[in-house]
Amino acid sequence: MAVIDERDTVRDEAPPHGAIGMSTAYRISDAAPPPRTMEFRRRVLHKGAAIGEHPIAHDEVYYVLSGQGEVLSDGKRAKLTPGMTAYLYDGAVVGIWQRGDEPLSLVIAYPNPPVKP
């Protein structure tokens, strides 16, 4: 078992996949000792920020804690608000944008590829 306080994992950085704007990243699963088979993170997209369009090779989940966003998957867009989840499928091209006046706070989870011995 690993118990991780997100305050120990926080850093400000540009979001992945295009460095669109700025974000606060809580790289929670990075603090878990190996081996680990999944990623679990929180990211706060600041006003105007986005995780740019990128292909995924696994299922991925975005859960909205606060703020408003717009998610893209294979050309289809949907609005996201607190309590909503976007379940994105293996092989899709995905991205998510902050919309509205307040930052978009998300929990993001996806599997890691198995470690080869």
PDB file of N, CA and C in Angstrom:
ATOM      1  N   MET A   1       0.845  -1.175   0.000  1.00  0.00           N
ATOM      2  CA  MET A   1       0.000   0.000   0.000  1.00  0.00           C
ATOM      3  C   MET A   1       0.891   1.238   0.000  1.00  0.00           C
ATOM      4  N   ALA A   2       0.413   2.246  -0.679  1.00  0.00           N
ATOM      5  CA  ALA A   2       1.065   3.558  -0.648  1.00  0.00           C
ATOM      6  C   ALA A   2      -0.020   4.585  -0.362  1.00  0.00           C
ATOM      7  N   VAL A   3       0.200   5.433   0.619  1.00  0.00           N
ATOM      8  CA  VAL A   3      -0.707   6.527   0.934  1.00  0.00           C
ATOM      9  C   VAL A   3       0.031   7.810   0.574  1.00  0.00           C
ATOM     10  N   ILE A   4      -0.579   8.594  -0.325  1.00  0.00           N
ATOM     11  CA  ILE A   4       0.117   9.750  -0.898  1.00  0.00           C
ATOM     12  C   ILE A   4      -0.720  11.004  -0.682  1.00  0.00           C
ATOM     13  N   ASP A   5      -0.118  12.033  -0.152  1.00  0.00           N
ATOM     14  CA  ASP A   5      -0.762  13.337   0.000  1.00  0.00           C
ATOM     15  C   ASP A   5      -0.477  14.140  -1.265  1.00  0.00           C
ATOM     16  N   GLU A   6      -1.523  14.556  -1.962  1.00  0.00           N
ATOM     17  CA  GLU A   6      -1.307  15.277  -3.225  1.00  0.00           C
ATOM     18  C   GLU A   6      -0.451  16.524  -3.040  1.00  0.00           C
ATOM     19  N   ARG A   7      -0.447  17.106  -1.857  1.00  0.00           N
ATOM     20  CA  ARG A   7       0.370  18.302  -1.612  1.00  0.00           C
ATOM     21  C   ARG A   7       1.860  18.021  -1.791  1.00  0.00           C
ATOM     22  N   ASP A   8       2.237  16.745  -1.657  1.00  0.00           N
ATOM     23  CA  ASP A   8       3.643  16.376  -1.834  1.00  0.00           C
ATOM     24  C   ASP A   8       4.012  16.158  -3.308  1.00  0.00           C
ATOM     25  N   THR A   9       3.032  16.248  -4.210  1.00  0.00           N
ATOM     26  CA  THR A   9       3.274  15.931  -5.622  1.00  0.00           C
ATOM     27  C   THR A   9       3.026  17.113  -6.554  1.00  0.00           C
ATOM     28  N   VAL A  10       2.705  18.267  -6.016  1.00  0.00           N
ATOM     29  CA  VAL A  10       2.245  19.407  -6.820  1.00  0.00           C
ATOM     30  C   VAL A  10       3.395  20.152  -7.487  1.00  0.00           C
ATOM     31  N   ARG A  11       3.137  20.580  -8.725  1.00  0.00           N
ATOM     32  CA  ARG A  11       4.072  21.463  -9.433  1.00  0.00           C
ATOM     33  C   ARG A  11       3.324  22.186 -10.545  1.00  0.00           C
ATOM     34  N   ASP A  12       3.761  23.397 -10.842  1.00  0.00           N
ATOM     35  CA  ASP A  12       3.196  24.157 -11.961  1.00  0.00           C
ATOM     36  C   ASP A  12       3.972  23.801 -13.213  1.00  0.00           C
ATOM     37  N   GLU A  13       3.237  23.534 -14.289  1.00  0.00           N
ATOM     38  CA  GLU A  13       3.873  23.164 -15.553  1.00  0.00           C
ATOM     39  C   GLU A  13       2.893  23.372 -16.698  1.00  0.00           C
ATOM     40  N   ALA A  14       3.429  23.466 -17.892  1.00  0.00           N
ATOM     41  CA  ALA A  14       2.570  23.507 -19.074  1.00  0.00           C
ATOM     42  C   ALA A  14       1.884  22.148 -19.205  1.00  0.00           C
ATOM     43  N   PRO A  15       0.625  22.117 -19.643  1.00  0.00           N
ATOM     44  CA  PRO A  15      -0.045  20.839 -19.831  1.00  0.00           C
ATOM     45  C   PRO A  15       0.630  20.029 -20.941  1.00  0.00           C
ATOM     46  N   PRO A  16       0.456  18.711 -20.911  1.00  0.00           N
ATOM     47  CA  PRO A  16       1.056  17.883 -21.954  1.00  0.00           C
ATOM     48  C   PRO A  16       0.353  18.055 -23.298  1.00  0.00           C
ATOM     49  N   HIS A  17       0.997  17.574 -24.327  1.00  0.00           N
ATOM     50  CA  HIS A  17       0.437  17.505 -25.677  1.00  0.00           C
ATOM     51  C   HIS A  17       0.120  18.898 -26.250  1.00  0.00           C
ATOM     52  N   GLY A  18       1.136  19.725 -26.308  1.00  0.00           N
ATOM     53  CA  GLY A  18       0.984  21.022 -26.946  1.00  0.00           C
ATOM     54  C   GLY A  18       1.359  22.202 -26.084  1.00  0.00           C
ATOM     55  N   ALA A  19       1.526  21.999 -24.775  1.00  0.00           N
ATOM     56  CA  ALA A  19       1.912  23.083 -23.869  1.00  0.00           C
ATOM     57  C   ALA A  19       1.038  24.318 -24.073  1.00  0.00           C
ATOM     58  N   ILE A  20      -0.287  24.109 -24.058  1.00  0.00           N
ATOM     59  CA  ILE A  20      -1.248  25.192 -24.265  1.00  0.00           C
ATOM     60  C   ILE A  20      -1.590  25.794 -22.903  1.00  0.00           C
ATOM     61  N   GLY A  21      -1.068  26.957 -22.604  1.00  0.00           N
ATOM     62  CA  GLY A  21      -1.329  27.607 -21.330  1.00  0.00           C
ATOM     63  C   GLY A  21      -0.515  26.983 -20.203  1.00  0.00           C
ATOM     64  N   MET A  22      -1.020  27.143 -18.980  1.00  0.00           N
ATOM     65  CA  MET A  22      -0.345  26.609 -17.791  1.00  0.00           C
ATOM     66  C   MET A  22      -1.322  25.792 -16.970  1.00  0.00           C
ATOM     67  N   SER A  23      -0.748  24.939 -16.120  1.00  0.00           N
ATOM     68  CA  SER A  23      -1.567  24.086 -15.260  1.00  0.00           C
ATOM     69  C   SER A  23      -0.837  23.830 -13.951  1.00  0.00           C
ATOM     70  N   THR A  24      -1.595  23.337 -12.996  1.00  0.00           N
ATOM     71  CA  THR A  24      -1.030  22.813 -11.763  1.00  0.00           C
ATOM     72  C   THR A  24      -1.214  21.308 -11.831  1.00  0.00           C
ATOM     73  N   ALA A  25      -0.109  20.570 -11.741  1.00  0.00           N
ATOM     74  CA  ALA A  25      -0.142  19.110 -11.852  1.00  0.00           C
ATOM     75  C   ALA A  25       0.082  18.488 -10.484  1.00  0.00           C
ATOM     76  N   TYR A  26      -0.734  17.503 -10.172  1.00  0.00           N
ATOM     77  CA  TYR A  26      -0.583  16.682  -8.978  1.00  0.00           C
ATOM     78  C   TYR A  26      -0.265  15.282  -9.494  1.00  0.00           C
ATOM     79  N   ARG A  27       1.000  14.959  -9.595  1.00  0.00           N
ATOM     80  CA  ARG A  27       1.446  13.701 -10.193  1.00  0.00           C
ATOM     81  C   ARG A  27       1.454  12.622  -9.111  1.00  0.00           C
ATOM     82  N   ILE A  28       0.271  12.288  -8.645  1.00  0.00           N
ATOM     83  CA  ILE A  28       0.071  11.446  -7.476  1.00  0.00           C
ATOM     84  C   ILE A  28       0.715  10.075  -7.637  1.00  0.00           C
ATOM     85  N   SER A  29       0.442   9.404  -8.738  1.00  0.00           N
ATOM     86  CA  SER A  29       0.969   8.041  -8.884  1.00  0.00           C
ATOM     87  C   SER A  29       2.487   8.018  -9.035  1.00  0.00           C
ATOM     88  N   ASP A  30       3.110   9.129  -9.404  1.00  0.00           N
ATOM     89  CA  ASP A  30       4.574   9.154  -9.487  1.00  0.00           C
ATOM     90  C   ASP A  30       5.208   8.873  -8.126  1.00  0.00           C
ATOM     91  N   ALA A  31       4.479   9.143  -7.049  1.00  0.00           N
ATOM     92  CA  ALA A  31       5.008   8.918  -5.702  1.00  0.00           C
ATOM     93  C   ALA A  31       4.815   7.479  -5.228  1.00  0.00           C
ATOM     94  N   ALA A  32       4.087   6.672  -5.987  1.00  0.00           N
ATOM     95  CA  ALA A  32       3.884   5.266  -5.617  1.00  0.00           C
ATOM     96  C   ALA A  32       5.124   4.468  -6.012  1.00  0.00           C
ATOM     97  N   PRO A  33       5.581   3.594  -5.126  1.00  0.00           N
ATOM     98  CA  PRO A  33       6.760   2.806  -5.481  1.00  0.00           C
ATOM     99  C   PRO A  33       6.440   1.784  -6.574  1.00  0.00           C
ATOM    100  N   PRO A  34       7.434   1.425  -7.369  1.00  0.00           N
ATOM    101  CA  PRO A  34       7.203   0.424  -8.412  1.00  0.00           C
ATOM    102  C   PRO A  34       7.021  -0.960  -7.791  1.00  0.00           C
ATOM    103  N   PRO A  35       6.413  -1.871  -8.482  1.00  0.00           N
ATOM    104  CA  PRO A  35       5.816  -1.652  -9.795  1.00  0.00           C
ATOM    105  C   PRO A  35       4.419  -1.077  -9.654  1.00  0.00           C
ATOM    106  N   ARG A  36       4.034  -0.214 -10.558  1.00  0.00           N
ATOM    107  CA  ARG A  36       2.663   0.291 -10.575  1.00  0.00           C
ATOM    108  C   ARG A  36       2.126   0.131 -11.986  1.00  0.00           C
ATOM    109  N   THR A  37       0.864  -0.164 -12.098  1.00  0.00           N
ATOM    110  CA  THR A  37       0.289  -0.479 -13.407  1.00  0.00           C
ATOM    111  C   THR A  37      -0.703   0.567 -13.880  1.00  0.00           C
ATOM    112  N   MET A  38      -0.830   1.668 -13.137  1.00  0.00           N
ATOM    113  CA  MET A  38      -1.744   2.724 -13.586  1.00  0.00           C
ATOM    114  C   MET A  38      -1.224   4.093 -13.191  1.00  0.00           C
ATOM    115  N   GLU A  39      -1.740   5.088 -13.892  1.00  0.00           N
ATOM    116  CA  GLU A  39      -1.482   6.485 -13.554  1.00  0.00           C
ATOM    117  C   GLU A  39      -2.751   7.052 -12.944  1.00  0.00           C
ATOM    118  N   PHE A  40      -2.565   7.863 -11.899  1.00  0.00           N
ATOM    119  CA  PHE A  40      -3.674   8.554 -11.242  1.00  0.00           C
ATOM    120  C   PHE A  40      -3.162   9.936 -10.913  1.00  0.00           C
ATOM    121  N   ARG A  41      -3.785  10.948 -11.522  1.00  0.00           N
ATOM    122  CA  ARG A  41      -3.299  12.315 -11.380  1.00  0.00           C
ATOM    123  C   ARG A  41      -4.455  13.285 -11.249  1.00  0.00           C
ATOM    124  N   ARG A  42      -4.156  14.435 -10.684  1.00  0.00           N
ATOM    125  CA  ARG A  42      -5.085  15.559 -10.753  1.00  0.00           C
ATOM    126  C   ARG A  42      -4.368  16.655 -11.503  1.00  0.00           C
ATOM    127  N   ARG A  43      -5.103  17.341 -12.348  1.00  0.00           N
ATOM    128  CA  ARG A  43      -4.530  18.468 -13.080  1.00  0.00           C
ATOM    129  C   ARG A  43      -5.550  19.590 -13.063  1.00  0.00           C
ATOM    130  N   VAL A  44      -5.066  20.787 -12.785  1.00  0.00           N
ATOM    131  CA  VAL A  44      -5.892  21.988 -12.835  1.00  0.00           C
ATOM    132  C   VAL A  44      -5.424  22.793 -14.040  1.00  0.00           C
ATOM    133  N   LEU A  45      -6.288  22.890 -15.038  1.00  0.00           N
ATOM    134  CA  LEU A  45      -5.986  23.684 -16.226  1.00  0.00           C
ATOM    135  C   LEU A  45      -6.366  25.132 -15.938  1.00  0.00           C
ATOM    136  N   HIS A  46      -5.383  26.021 -15.977  1.00  0.00           N
ATOM    137  CA  HIS A  46      -5.638  27.435 -15.740  1.00  0.00           C
ATOM    138  C   HIS A  46      -6.425  28.007 -16.919  1.00  0.00           C
ATOM    139  N   LYS A  47      -6.931  29.204 -16.745  1.00  0.00           N
ATOM    140  CA  LYS A  47      -7.757  29.832 -17.779  1.00  0.00           C
ATOM    141  C   LYS A  47      -7.054  29.819 -19.138  1.00  0.00           C
ATOM    142  N   GLY A  48      -7.747  29.284 -20.149  1.00  0.00           N
ATOM    143  CA  GLY A  48      -7.227  29.209 -21.506  1.00  0.00           C
ATOM    144  C   GLY A  48      -6.320  28.015 -21.788  1.00  0.00           C
ATOM    145  N   ALA A  49      -6.089  27.162 -20.800  1.00  0.00           N
ATOM    146  CA  ALA A  49      -5.165  26.036 -20.971  1.00  0.00           C
ATOM    147  C   ALA A  49      -5.878  24.806 -21.540  1.00  0.00           C
ATOM    148  N   ALA A  50      -5.077  23.885 -22.079  1.00  0.00           N
ATOM    149  CA  ALA A  50      -5.627  22.661 -22.658  1.00  0.00           C
ATOM    150  C   ALA A  50      -4.588  21.555 -22.653  1.00  0.00           C
ATOM    151  N   ILE A  51      -5.070  20.336 -22.553  1.00  0.00           N
ATOM    152  CA  ILE A  51      -4.283  19.150 -22.887  1.00  0.00           C
ATOM    153  C   ILE A  51      -4.599  18.921 -24.353  1.00  0.00           C
ATOM    154  N   GLY A  52      -3.641  19.195 -25.213  1.00  0.00           N
ATOM    155  CA  GLY A  52      -3.879  19.188 -26.653  1.00  0.00           C
ATOM    156  C   GLY A  52      -4.238  17.824 -27.210  1.00  0.00           C
ATOM    157  N   GLU A  53      -4.702  17.846 -28.445  1.00  0.00           N
ATOM    158  CA  GLU A  53      -5.114  16.615 -29.120  1.00  0.00           C
ATOM    159  C   GLU A  53      -3.936  15.652 -29.228  1.00  0.00           C
ATOM    160  N   HIS A  54      -4.217  14.381 -28.890  1.00  0.00           N
ATOM    161  CA  HIS A  54      -3.196  13.339 -28.951  1.00  0.00           C
ATOM    162  C   HIS A  54      -3.864  11.969 -29.025  1.00  0.00           C
ATOM    163  N   PRO A  55      -3.242  11.021 -29.702  1.00  0.00           N
ATOM    164  CA  PRO A  55      -3.799   9.668 -29.743  1.00  0.00           C
ATOM    165  C   PRO A  55      -3.503   8.946 -28.430  1.00  0.00           C
ATOM    166  N   ILE A  56      -4.415   8.092 -28.006  1.00  0.00           N
ATOM    167  CA  ILE A  56      -4.179   7.287 -26.805  1.00  0.00           C
ATOM    168  C   ILE A  56      -4.157   5.802 -27.180  1.00  0.00           C
ATOM    169  N   ALA A  57      -3.311   5.056 -26.480  1.00  0.00           N
ATOM    170  CA  ALA A  57      -3.156   3.619 -26.742  1.00  0.00           C
ATOM    171  C   ALA A  57      -3.659   2.811 -25.556  1.00  0.00           C
ATOM    172  N   HIS A  58      -4.727   3.319 -24.924  1.00  0.00           N
ATOM    173  CA  HIS A  58      -5.335   2.691 -23.756  1.00  0.00           C
ATOM    174  C   HIS A  58      -6.631   3.447 -23.478  1.00  0.00           C
ATOM    175  N   ASP A  59      -7.505   2.894 -22.670  1.00  0.00           N
ATOM    176  CA  ASP A  59      -8.651   3.659 -22.195  1.00  0.00           C
ATOM    177  C   ASP A  59      -8.135   4.699 -21.197  1.00  0.00           C
ATOM    178  N   GLU A  60      -8.842   5.819 -21.102  1.00  0.00           N
ATOM    179  CA  GLU A  60      -8.434   6.919 -20.224  1.00  0.00           C
ATOM    180  C   GLU A  60      -9.694   7.570 -19.668  1.00  0.00           C
ATOM    181  N   VAL A  61      -9.641   8.032 -18.415  1.00  0.00           N
ATOM    182  CA  VAL A  61     -10.797   8.643 -17.764  1.00  0.00           C
ATOM    183  C   VAL A  61     -10.432  10.040 -17.294  1.00  0.00           C
ATOM    184  N   TYR A  62     -11.305  11.026 -17.629  1.00  0.00           N
ATOM    185  CA  TYR A  62     -11.207  12.381 -17.098  1.00  0.00           C
ATOM    186  C   TYR A  62     -12.455  12.610 -16.238  1.00  0.00           C
ATOM    187  N   TYR A  63     -12.259  12.916 -14.955  1.00  0.00           N
ATOM    188  CA  TYR A  63     -13.373  13.205 -14.049  1.00  0.00           C
ATOM    189  C   TYR A  63     -13.254  14.657 -13.602  1.00  0.00           C
ATOM    190  N   VAL A  64     -14.315  15.438 -13.778  1.00  0.00           N
ATOM    191  CA  VAL A  64     -14.281  16.871 -13.473  1.00  0.00           C
ATOM    192  C   VAL A  64     -14.654  17.124 -12.017  1.00  0.00           C
ATOM    193  N   LEU A  65     -13.735  17.764 -11.283  1.00  0.00           N
ATOM    194  CA  LEU A  65     -13.976  18.161  -9.897  1.00  0.00           C
ATOM    195  C   LEU A  65     -14.605  19.548  -9.815  1.00  0.00           C
ATOM    196  N   SER A  66     -14.095  20.487 -10.619  1.00  0.00           N
ATOM    197  CA  SER A  66     -14.635  21.847 -10.622  1.00  0.00           C
ATOM    198  C   SER A  66     -14.281  22.525 -11.938  1.00  0.00           C
ATOM    199  N   GLY A  67     -15.016  23.597 -12.223  1.00  0.00           N
ATOM    200  CA  GLY A  67     -14.810  24.326 -13.466  1.00  0.00           C
ATOM    201  C   GLY A  67     -15.595  23.713 -14.618  1.00  0.00           C
ATOM    202  N   GLN A  68     -15.357  24.256 -15.799  1.00  0.00           N
ATOM    203  CA  GLN A  68     -16.020  23.769 -17.008  1.00  0.00           C
ATOM    204  C   GLN A  68     -14.971  23.457 -18.053  1.00  0.00           C
ATOM    205  N   GLY A  69     -15.271  22.457 -18.858  1.00  0.00           N
ATOM    206  CA  GLY A  69     -14.339  22.087 -19.900  1.00  0.00           C
ATOM    207  C   GLY A  69     -15.048  21.589 -21.135  1.00  0.00           C
ATOM    208  N   GLU A  70     -14.260  21.354 -22.158  1.00  0.00           N
ATOM    209  CA  GLU A  70     -14.755  20.767 -23.395  1.00  0.00           C
ATOM    210  C   GLU A  70     -13.793  19.647 -23.765  1.00  0.00           C
ATOM    211  N   VAL A  71     -14.327  18.448 -23.944  1.00  0.00           N
ATOM    212  CA  VAL A  71     -13.518  17.289 -24.282  1.00  0.00           C
ATOM    213  C   VAL A  71     -13.733  16.933 -25.748  1.00  0.00           C
ATOM    214  N   LEU A  72     -12.690  16.430 -26.368  1.00  0.00           N
ATOM    215  CA  LEU A  72     -12.724  15.994 -27.757  1.00  0.00           C
ATOM    216  C   LEU A  72     -12.314  14.529 -27.809  1.00  0.00           C
ATOM    217  N   SER A  73     -13.033  13.736 -28.600  1.00  0.00           N
ATOM    218  CA  SER A  73     -12.633  12.360 -28.878  1.00  0.00           C
ATOM    219  C   SER A  73     -13.027  12.036 -30.310  1.00  0.00           C
ATOM    220  N   ASP A  74     -12.020  11.794 -31.142  1.00  0.00           N
ATOM    221  CA  ASP A  74     -12.232  11.467 -32.555  1.00  0.00           C
ATOM    222  C   ASP A  74     -13.193  12.422 -33.253  1.00  0.00           C
ATOM    223  N   GLY A  75     -12.988  13.725 -33.042  1.00  0.00           N
ATOM    224  CA  GLY A  75     -13.764  14.745 -33.731  1.00  0.00           C
ATOM    225  C   GLY A  75     -15.080  15.120 -33.066  1.00  0.00           C
ATOM    226  N   LYS A  76     -15.505  14.383 -32.052  1.00  0.00           N
ATOM    227  CA  LYS A  76     -16.746  14.709 -31.330  1.00  0.00           C
ATOM    228  C   LYS A  76     -16.388  15.491 -30.076  1.00  0.00           C
ATOM    229  N   ARG A  77     -17.137  16.583 -29.851  1.00  0.00           N
ATOM    230  CA  ARG A  77     -16.895  17.440 -28.688  1.00  0.00           C
ATOM    231  C   ARG A  77     -18.076  17.367 -27.726  1.00  0.00           C
ATOM    232  N   ALA A  78     -17.773  17.511 -26.428  1.00  0.00           N
ATOM    233  CA  ALA A  78     -18.819  17.521 -25.404  1.00  0.00           C
ATOM    234  C   ALA A  78     -18.402  18.451 -24.276  1.00  0.00           C
ATOM    235  N   LYS A  79     -19.382  19.135 -23.702  1.00  0.00           N
ATOM    236  CA  LYS A  79     -19.160  20.015 -22.550  1.00  0.00           C
ATOM    237  C   LYS A  79     -19.062  19.150 -21.302  1.00  0.00           C
ATOM    238  N   LEU A  80     -18.164  19.522 -20.388  1.00  0.00           N
ATOM    239  CA  LEU A  80     -18.013  18.835 -19.109  1.00  0.00           C
ATOM    240  C   LEU A  80     -18.161  19.836 -17.966  1.00  0.00           C
ATOM    241  N   THR A  81     -18.882  19.443 -16.935  1.00  0.00           N
ATOM    242  CA  THR A  81     -19.063  20.241 -15.729  1.00  0.00           C
ATOM    243  C   THR A  81     -18.813  19.340 -14.516  1.00  0.00           C
ATOM    244  N   PRO A  82     -18.722  19.914 -13.309  1.00  0.00           N
ATOM    245  CA  PRO A  82     -18.402  19.113 -12.127  1.00  0.00           C
ATOM    246  C   PRO A  82     -19.310  17.888 -11.981  1.00  0.00           C
ATOM    247  N   GLY A  83     -18.665  16.776 -11.653  1.00  0.00           N
ATOM    248  CA  GLY A  83     -19.371  15.511 -11.477  1.00  0.00           C
ATOM    249  C   GLY A  83     -19.482  14.691 -12.754  1.00  0.00           C
ATOM    250  N   MET A  84     -19.086  15.261 -13.886  1.00  0.00           N
ATOM    251  CA  MET A  84     -19.153  14.522 -15.156  1.00  0.00           C
ATOM    252  C   MET A  84     -17.823  13.818 -15.420  1.00  0.00           C
ATOM    253  N   THR A  85     -17.921  12.700 -16.133  1.00  0.00           N
ATOM    254  CA  THR A  85     -16.761  11.897 -16.498  1.00  0.00           C
ATOM    255  C   THR A  85     -16.739  11.688 -17.995  1.00  0.00           C
ATOM    256  N   ALA A  86     -15.558  11.825 -18.598  1.00  0.00           N
ATOM    257  CA  ALA A  86     -15.361  11.452 -19.994  1.00  0.00           C
ATOM    258  C   ALA A  86     -14.559  10.159 -19.982  1.00  0.00           C
ATOM    259  N   TYR A  87     -15.147   9.084 -20.492  1.00  0.00           N
ATOM    260  CA  TYR A  87     -14.456   7.804 -20.624  1.00  0.00           C
ATOM    261  C   TYR A  87     -14.006   7.724 -22.075  1.00  0.00           C
ATOM    262  N   LEU A  88     -12.706   7.739 -22.289  1.00  0.00           N
ATOM    263  CA  LEU A  88     -12.124   7.806 -23.630  1.00  0.00           C
ATOM    264  C   LEU A  88     -11.520   6.449 -23.979  1.00  0.00           C
ATOM    265  N   TYR A  89     -11.695   6.037 -25.219  1.00  0.00           N
ATOM    266  CA  TYR A  89     -11.352   4.673 -25.611  1.00  0.00           C
ATOM    267  C   TYR A  89     -10.028   4.557 -26.350  1.00  0.00           C
ATOM    268  N   ASP A  90      -9.385   3.433 -26.154  1.00  0.00           N
ATOM    269  CA  ASP A  90      -8.140   3.056 -26.817  1.00  0.00           C
ATOM    270  C   ASP A  90      -8.226   3.352 -28.313  1.00  0.00           C
ATOM    271  N   GLY A  91      -7.212   4.041 -28.829  1.00  0.00           N
ATOM    272  CA  GLY A  91      -7.152   4.332 -30.256  1.00  0.00           C
ATOM    273  C   GLY A  91      -7.728   5.678 -30.655  1.00  0.00           C
ATOM    274  N   ALA A  92      -8.409   6.361 -29.754  1.00  0.00           N
ATOM    275  CA  ALA A  92      -9.019   7.653 -30.069  1.00  0.00           C
ATOM    276  C   ALA A  92      -7.965   8.766 -30.061  1.00  0.00           C
ATOM    277  N   VAL A  93      -8.274   9.866 -30.741  1.00  0.00           N
ATOM    278  CA  VAL A  93      -7.509  11.101 -30.638  1.00  0.00           C
ATOM    279  C   VAL A  93      -8.311  12.008 -29.720  1.00  0.00           C
ATOM    280  N   VAL A  94      -7.709  12.408 -28.590  1.00  0.00           N
ATOM    281  CA  VAL A  94      -8.445  13.101 -27.538  1.00  0.00           C
ATOM    282  C   VAL A  94      -7.756  14.407 -27.143  1.00  0.00           C
ATOM    283  N   GLY A  95      -8.482  15.271 -26.466  1.00  0.00           N
ATOM    284  CA  GLY A  95      -7.956  16.497 -25.893  1.00  0.00           C
ATOM    285  C   GLY A  95      -9.012  17.094 -24.974  1.00  0.00           C
ATOM    286  N   ILE A  96      -8.606  18.016 -24.109  1.00  0.00           N
ATOM    287  CA  ILE A  96      -9.559  18.682 -23.217  1.00  0.00           C
ATOM    288  C   ILE A  96      -9.118  20.116 -22.996  1.00  0.00           C
ATOM    289  N   TRP A  97     -10.095  21.036 -23.012  1.00  0.00           N
ATOM    290  CA  TRP A  97      -9.857  22.473 -22.897  1.00  0.00           C
ATOM    291  C   TRP A  97     -10.600  23.029 -21.697  1.00  0.00           C
ATOM    292  N   GLN A  98      -9.978  23.980 -21.013  1.00  0.00           N
ATOM    293  CA  GLN A  98     -10.640  24.740 -19.963  1.00  0.00           C
ATOM    294  C   GLN A  98     -11.570  25.730 -20.639  1.00  0.00           C
ATOM    295  N   ARG A  99     -12.780  25.856 -20.122  1.00  0.00           N
ATOM    296  CA  ARG A  99     -13.749  26.843 -20.606  1.00  0.00           C
ATOM    297  C   ARG A  99     -14.324  27.578 -19.399  1.00  0.00           C
ATOM    298  N   GLY A 100     -14.833  28.763 -19.592  1.00  0.00           N
ATOM    299  CA  GLY A 100     -15.460  29.504 -18.497  1.00  0.00           C
ATOM    300  C   GLY A 100     -14.473  30.347 -17.724  1.00  0.00           C
ATOM    301  N   ASP A 101     -14.940  30.842 -16.568  1.00  0.00           N
ATOM    302  CA  ASP A 101     -14.175  31.808 -15.789  1.00  0.00           C
ATOM    303  C   ASP A 101     -13.245  31.200 -14.753  1.00  0.00           C
ATOM    304  N   GLU A 102     -13.474  29.953 -14.346  1.00  0.00           N
ATOM    305  CA  GLU A 102     -12.632  29.375 -13.301  1.00  0.00           C
ATOM    306  C   GLU A 102     -11.797  28.225 -13.866  1.00  0.00           C
ATOM    307  N   PRO A 103     -10.684  27.909 -13.216  1.00  0.00           N
ATOM    308  CA  PRO A 103      -9.847  26.805 -13.679  1.00  0.00           C
ATOM    309  C   PRO A 103     -10.644  25.490 -13.726  1.00  0.00           C
ATOM    310  N   LEU A 104     -10.183  24.579 -14.564  1.00  0.00           N
ATOM    311  CA  LEU A 104     -10.797  23.256 -14.711  1.00  0.00           C
ATOM    312  C   LEU A 104      -9.948  22.256 -13.941  1.00  0.00           C
ATOM    313  N   SER A 105     -10.527  21.663 -12.892  1.00  0.00           N
ATOM    314  CA  SER A 105      -9.828  20.684 -12.071  1.00  0.00           C
ATOM    315  C   SER A 105     -10.315  19.286 -12.430  1.00  0.00           C
ATOM    316  N   LEU A 106      -9.371  18.416 -12.796  1.00  0.00           N
ATOM    317  CA  LEU A 106      -9.687  17.065 -13.275  1.00  0.00           C
ATOM    318  C   LEU A 106      -8.906  16.015 -12.509  1.00  0.00           C
ATOM    319  N   VAL A 107      -9.498  14.829 -12.396  1.00  0.00           N
ATOM    320  CA  VAL A 107      -8.753  13.630 -12.041  1.00  0.00           C
ATOM    321  C   VAL A 107      -8.603  12.846 -13.335  1.00  0.00           C
ATOM    322  N   ILE A 108      -7.389  12.374 -13.613  1.00  0.00           N
ATOM    323  CA  ILE A 108      -7.087  11.644 -14.835  1.00  0.00           C
ATOM    324  C   ILE A 108      -6.503  10.293 -14.434  1.00  0.00           C
ATOM    325  N   ALA A 109      -7.046   9.222 -15.024  1.00  0.00           N
ATOM    326  CA  ALA A 109      -6.544   7.882 -14.720  1.00  0.00           C
ATOM    327  C   ALA A 109      -6.434   7.077 -16.011  1.00  0.00           C
ATOM    328  N   TYR A 110      -5.351   6.297 -16.096  1.00  0.00           N
ATOM    329  CA  TYR A 110      -5.148   5.424 -17.255  1.00  0.00           C
ATOM    330  C   TYR A 110      -4.098   4.371 -16.892  1.00  0.00           C
ATOM    331  N   PRO A 111      -4.089   3.249 -17.630  1.00  0.00           N
ATOM    332  CA  PRO A 111      -3.119   2.195 -17.309  1.00  0.00           C
ATOM    333  C   PRO A 111      -1.739   2.509 -17.866  1.00  0.00           C
ATOM    334  N   ASN A 112      -0.738   1.973 -17.191  1.00  0.00           N
ATOM    335  CA  ASN A 112       0.637   1.995 -17.691  1.00  0.00           C
ATOM    336  C   ASN A 112       0.864   0.724 -18.493  1.00  0.00           C
ATOM    337  N   PRO A 113       1.705   0.781 -19.495  1.00  0.00           N
ATOM    338  CA  PRO A 113       2.041  -0.475 -20.170  1.00  0.00           C
ATOM    339  C   PRO A 113       2.793  -1.395 -19.204  1.00  0.00           C
ATOM    340  N   PRO A 114       2.623  -2.695 -19.352  1.00  0.00           N
ATOM    341  CA  PRO A 114       3.349  -3.615 -18.460  1.00  0.00           C
ATOM    342  C   PRO A 114       4.861  -3.438 -18.609  1.00  0.00           C
ATOM    343  N   VAL A 115       5.552  -3.574 -17.501  1.00  0.00           N
ATOM    344  CA  VAL A 115       7.007  -3.480 -17.501  1.00  0.00           C
ATOM    345  C   VAL A 115       7.561  -4.817 -17.963  1.00  0.00           C
ATOM    346  N   LYS A 116       8.434  -4.775 -18.961  1.00  0.00           N
ATOM    347  CA  LYS A 116       9.044  -6.006 -19.489  1.00  0.00           C
ATOM    348  C   LYS A 116      10.257  -6.355 -18.640  1.00  0.00           C
ATOM    349  N   PRO A 117      10.364  -7.624 -18.257  1.00  0.00           N
ATOM    350  CA  PRO A 117      11.534  -8.027 -17.433  1.00  0.00           C
ATOM    351  C   PRO A 117      12.844  -7.953 -18.189  1.00  0.00           C
TER     352      PRO A 117
END
